[in-house]
Amino acid sequence: VEVGSGVSKFTVGDIVGVGCLVGCCGGCSPCERDLEQYCPKKIWSYNDVYINGQPTQGGFAKATVIHQ
């Protein structure tokens, strides 16, 4: 397990929680207020598709990449 060079909020060994969304537009009013769950273009981690048309694969994994 590791953290990227640009990560400043977390260190290896920290316990973190990851929500059920894997994407959002980042530019709408809710996104700009850190309320991505209200984004009209949110992408769920299960039973949804990415903007490129690929299906999301659910939320079970041994490791994942998350934006800080």
Protein backbone atom coordinates (compact mmCIF):
# COMPACT_ATOMS: atom_id res chain seq x y z
CA VAL A 1 0.00 0.00 0.00
CA GLU A 2 1.25 3.47 -0.76
CA VAL A 3 0.14 7.07 -1.17
CA GLY A 4 1.02 9.24 -4.15
CA SER A 5 3.55 12.06 -4.05
CA GLY A 6 0.78 14.68 -4.22
CA VAL A 7 -1.15 13.32 -1.23
CA SER A 8 -1.05 15.57 1.82
CA LYS A 9 -4.08 14.55 3.88
CA PHE A 10 -3.24 10.87 4.42
CA THR A 11 -0.30 8.62 5.20
CA VAL A 12 0.25 4.88 4.84
CA GLY A 13 -1.67 3.09 7.58
CA ASP A 14 -4.47 5.65 7.92
CA ILE A 15 -8.00 4.25 7.97
CA VAL A 16 -10.16 5.94 5.35
CA GLY A 17 -13.70 5.53 4.10
CA VAL A 18 -14.64 5.50 0.44
CA GLY A 19 -18.16 6.38 -0.66
CA CYS A 20 -20.38 4.66 -3.19
CA LEU A 21 -19.60 7.10 -6.03
CA VAL A 22 -16.72 6.66 -8.46
CA GLY A 23 -17.18 9.85 -10.41
CA CYS A 24 -18.94 13.17 -10.84
CA CYS A 25 -18.72 16.14 -13.20
CA GLY A 26 -16.70 18.29 -10.81
CA GLY A 27 -18.09 21.54 -12.17
CA CYS A 28 -21.74 21.82 -11.15
CA SER A 29 -22.95 23.73 -8.11
CA PRO A 30 -23.13 20.66 -5.82
CA CYS A 31 -19.64 19.49 -6.89
CA GLU A 32 -18.16 22.92 -6.27
CA ARG A 33 -19.56 22.78 -2.73
CA ASP A 34 -18.15 19.26 -2.09
CA LEU A 35 -21.63 17.73 -2.35
CA GLU A 36 -20.88 15.28 -5.17
CA GLN A 37 -23.73 13.01 -4.09
CA TYR A 38 -26.11 15.63 -5.57
CA CYS A 39 -24.29 15.91 -8.91
CA PRO A 40 -26.69 15.23 -11.79
CA LYS A 41 -23.87 13.36 -13.57
CA LYS A 42 -22.66 11.25 -10.63
CA ILE A 43 -21.44 7.74 -11.39
CA TRP A 44 -22.30 5.00 -8.89
CA SER A 45 -19.69 2.36 -8.09
CA TYR A 46 -22.19 -0.41 -8.89
CA ASN A 47 -24.72 -0.94 -11.71
CA ASP A 48 -23.70 2.19 -13.62
CA VAL A 49 -21.43 3.16 -16.53
CA TYR A 50 -18.45 5.49 -16.84
CA ILE A 51 -18.61 8.37 -19.32
CA ASN A 52 -16.68 6.18 -21.80
CA GLY A 53 -19.48 3.59 -21.71
CA GLN A 54 -17.59 0.99 -19.66
CA PRO A 55 -19.54 -0.57 -16.78
CA THR A 56 -18.59 0.14 -13.20
CA GLN A 57 -17.42 -2.98 -11.41
CA GLY A 58 -18.81 -2.58 -7.92
CA GLY A 59 -17.03 -1.75 -4.72
CA PHE A 60 -15.04 -4.84 -3.74
CA ALA A 61 -11.27 -4.73 -4.19
CA LYS A 62 -8.04 -5.34 -2.31
CA ALA A 63 -6.74 -1.95 -3.44
CA THR A 64 -8.05 1.08 -5.27
CA VAL A 65 -6.99 4.51 -6.50
CA ILE A 66 -8.90 7.38 -4.91
CA HIS A 67 -8.53 11.10 -5.46
CA GLN A 68 -7.72 12.97 -2.25
